[in-house]
């Protein structure tokens, strides 16, 4: 669910967004998370951001809260629950409708580390209702942020 709110600036808006992953069945097959949570959310994300067009660049900054609903069941972290990040994204359409994007995220809550992503994308309209999107990207993840995906500290990753 997302709500975009206009601001007094013509090109700016505030966005409030929520997102959830739901386990539809009790059996997860070969997935890395455990069985037994059918009908329950596995993660809920809340996002607040501000977007503005500045000198033909689309700039978005905000904060994200990631909340794992069953943190004890995730094999990669002994005591993982909610964490929060701040972020800045900058993009601009250039030649041939290519859109380079630079994204910078900092987890200030649990791992206190950075990750960066640079990508280039292009949309290909199929008709009035459908658009195909092609994207290529390269990222860098700090050591602590990378360790979040592994069981490295039995007393918690914070």
Protein backbone atom coordinates (compact mmCIF):
# COMPACT_ATOMS: atom_id res chain seq x y z
CA UNK A 1 0.00 0.00 0.00
CA UNK A 2 1.34 3.44 -0.88
CA UNK A 3 0.13 7.00 -0.41
CA UNK A 4 1.82 9.88 -2.24
CA UNK A 5 1.20 13.34 -0.79
CA UNK A 6 1.91 16.51 -2.78
CA UNK A 7 3.99 19.32 -1.31
CA UNK A 8 3.98 23.04 -1.98
CA UNK A 9 6.84 22.53 -4.43
CA UNK A 10 5.51 21.56 -7.85
CA UNK A 11 7.86 18.60 -8.35
CA UNK A 12 8.08 17.30 -4.77
CA UNK A 13 6.04 14.70 -2.93
CA UNK A 14 6.05 12.71 0.28
CA UNK A 15 5.49 8.96 0.01
CA UNK A 16 4.30 6.62 2.77
CA UNK A 17 4.48 2.96 1.86
CA UNK A 18 3.98 -0.41 3.53
CA UNK A 19 4.96 -3.78 2.12
CA UNK A 20 4.63 -7.30 3.48
CA UNK A 21 5.72 -10.80 2.49
CA UNK A 22 3.17 -13.48 3.36
CA UNK A 23 3.70 -17.22 3.59
CA UNK A 24 0.70 -18.64 1.75
CA UNK A 25 1.19 -22.24 2.91
CA UNK A 26 2.85 -24.05 5.82
CA UNK A 27 5.24 -25.78 3.39
CA UNK A 28 8.03 -23.63 1.96
CA UNK A 29 9.61 -26.35 -0.17
CA UNK A 30 13.30 -25.70 -0.80
CA UNK A 31 13.21 -22.12 0.53
CA UNK A 32 15.74 -21.18 3.22
CA UNK A 33 13.13 -20.17 5.79
CA UNK A 34 11.26 -22.81 7.82
CA UNK A 35 7.84 -24.42 7.37
CA UNK A 36 4.89 -23.72 9.63
CA UNK A 37 3.94 -20.07 9.08
CA UNK A 38 1.12 -20.34 6.53
CA UNK A 39 -1.06 -17.24 6.42
CA UNK A 40 1.44 -15.19 8.43
CA UNK A 41 3.64 -12.31 7.29
CA UNK A 42 7.36 -13.11 7.29
CA UNK A 43 8.47 -9.48 6.89
CA UNK A 44 6.75 -6.10 7.05
CA UNK A 45 8.47 -3.00 5.67
CA UNK A 46 7.44 0.59 6.37
CA UNK A 47 8.90 3.41 4.28
CA UNK A 48 8.66 7.21 4.45
CA UNK A 49 10.38 9.25 1.76
CA UNK A 50 10.57 12.65 0.15
CA UNK A 51 11.13 12.98 -3.60
CA UNK A 52 12.06 16.10 -5.53
CA UNK A 53 13.29 16.96 -9.00
CA UNK A 54 16.42 19.11 -8.70
CA UNK A 55 18.24 20.29 -11.85
CA UNK A 56 16.73 17.40 -13.86
CA UNK A 57 17.78 14.82 -11.26
CA UNK A 58 15.13 12.81 -9.44
CA UNK A 59 16.28 12.73 -5.79
CA UNK A 60 14.58 10.59 -3.15
CA UNK A 61 15.60 10.42 0.50
CA UNK A 62 13.93 8.58 3.33
CA UNK A 63 13.88 5.94 6.03
CA UNK A 64 12.88 2.26 5.89
CA UNK A 65 11.93 -0.04 8.76
CA UNK A 66 12.31 -3.79 8.10
CA UNK A 67 10.53 -6.03 10.62
CA UNK A 68 10.92 -9.82 10.53
CA UNK A 69 7.85 -11.31 12.16
CA UNK A 70 9.42 -14.62 13.23
CA UNK A 71 13.06 -13.66 13.84
CA UNK A 72 13.90 -16.79 15.83
CA UNK A 73 13.08 -18.96 12.80
CA UNK A 74 15.54 -17.35 10.41
CA UNK A 75 18.74 -19.43 10.23
CA UNK A 76 21.06 -16.51 9.40
CA UNK A 77 20.60 -14.57 12.61
CA UNK A 78 20.23 -15.73 16.18
CA UNK A 79 18.55 -12.53 17.40
CA UNK A 80 17.31 -10.68 14.34
CA UNK A 81 14.26 -8.51 14.39
CA UNK A 82 13.56 -5.02 13.19
CA UNK A 83 16.21 -2.82 11.65
CA UNK A 84 16.11 0.63 10.07
CA UNK A 85 17.94 2.35 7.22
CA UNK A 86 18.21 5.82 5.79
CA UNK A 87 18.74 6.19 2.06
CA UNK A 88 19.30 8.56 -0.83
CA UNK A 89 18.58 7.68 -4.48
CA UNK A 90 19.51 9.91 -7.42
CA UNK A 91 18.60 9.26 -11.06
CA UNK A 92 18.28 11.12 -14.33
CA UNK A 93 17.17 10.13 -17.81
CA UNK A 94 19.99 10.50 -20.34
CA UNK A 95 20.44 9.46 -23.98
CA UNK A 96 18.25 6.74 -25.54
CA UNK A 97 15.91 6.89 -22.50
CA UNK A 98 18.53 5.25 -20.29
CA UNK A 99 18.17 6.05 -16.58
CA UNK A 100 21.31 5.75 -14.42
CA UNK A 101 20.60 5.42 -10.68
CA UNK A 102 22.89 5.74 -7.67
CA UNK A 103 21.49 4.41 -4.38
CA UNK A 104 23.16 4.81 -0.98
CA UNK A 105 21.72 3.05 2.10
CA UNK A 106 22.94 3.13 5.70
CA UNK A 107 21.59 0.75 8.36
CA UNK A 108 21.78 2.88 11.51
CA UNK A 109 19.95 0.44 13.77
CA UNK A 110 21.26 -3.12 13.72
CA UNK A 111 24.43 -3.42 11.65
CA UNK A 112 25.57 0.22 11.34
CA UNK A 113 26.95 -0.23 7.84
CA UNK A 114 26.52 0.94 4.23
CA UNK A 115 25.53 -0.53 0.92
CA UNK A 116 25.65 1.12 -2.48
CA UNK A 117 24.06 0.29 -5.81
CA UNK A 118 24.63 1.81 -9.24
CA UNK A 119 22.40 0.74 -12.10
CA UNK A 120 21.17 1.71 -15.53
CA UNK A 121 17.64 0.92 -16.65
CA UNK A 122 15.35 1.42 -19.61
CA UNK A 123 11.64 0.93 -20.02
CA UNK A 124 10.15 -0.58 -23.16
CA UNK A 125 6.42 0.16 -23.54
CA UNK A 126 4.48 -2.86 -24.79
CA UNK A 127 1.08 -1.14 -24.94
CA UNK A 128 -0.88 1.35 -22.81
CA UNK A 129 -1.11 -1.08 -19.87
CA UNK A 130 2.24 -2.92 -19.88
CA UNK A 131 5.88 -1.87 -19.80
CA UNK A 132 8.95 -4.12 -19.80
CA UNK A 133 11.89 -2.89 -17.73
CA UNK A 134 15.53 -3.89 -18.30
CA UNK A 135 18.13 -3.09 -15.65
CA UNK A 136 21.81 -3.82 -15.08
CA UNK A 137 23.51 -2.89 -11.84
CA UNK A 138 26.52 -3.25 -9.63
CA UNK A 139 26.55 -3.02 -5.86
CA UNK A 140 28.93 -2.80 -2.95
CA UNK A 141 28.06 -4.04 0.53
CA UNK A 142 30.04 -3.21 3.65
CA UNK A 143 31.48 -6.05 5.74
CA UNK A 144 28.92 -5.78 8.57
CA UNK A 145 26.01 -5.44 6.14
CA UNK A 146 27.25 -8.52 4.28
CA UNK A 147 27.61 -10.48 7.52
CA UNK A 148 23.89 -9.99 8.16
CA UNK A 149 23.25 -12.86 5.76
CA UNK A 150 25.40 -15.28 7.80
CA UNK A 151 25.33 -16.64 11.32
CA UNK A 152 28.49 -14.90 12.54
CA UNK A 153 27.58 -13.80 16.03
CA UNK A 154 25.46 -16.10 18.22
CA UNK A 155 24.47 -13.25 20.55
CA UNK A 156 23.20 -10.94 17.79
CA UNK A 157 24.49 -8.86 14.93
CA UNK A 158 24.03 -5.42 16.49
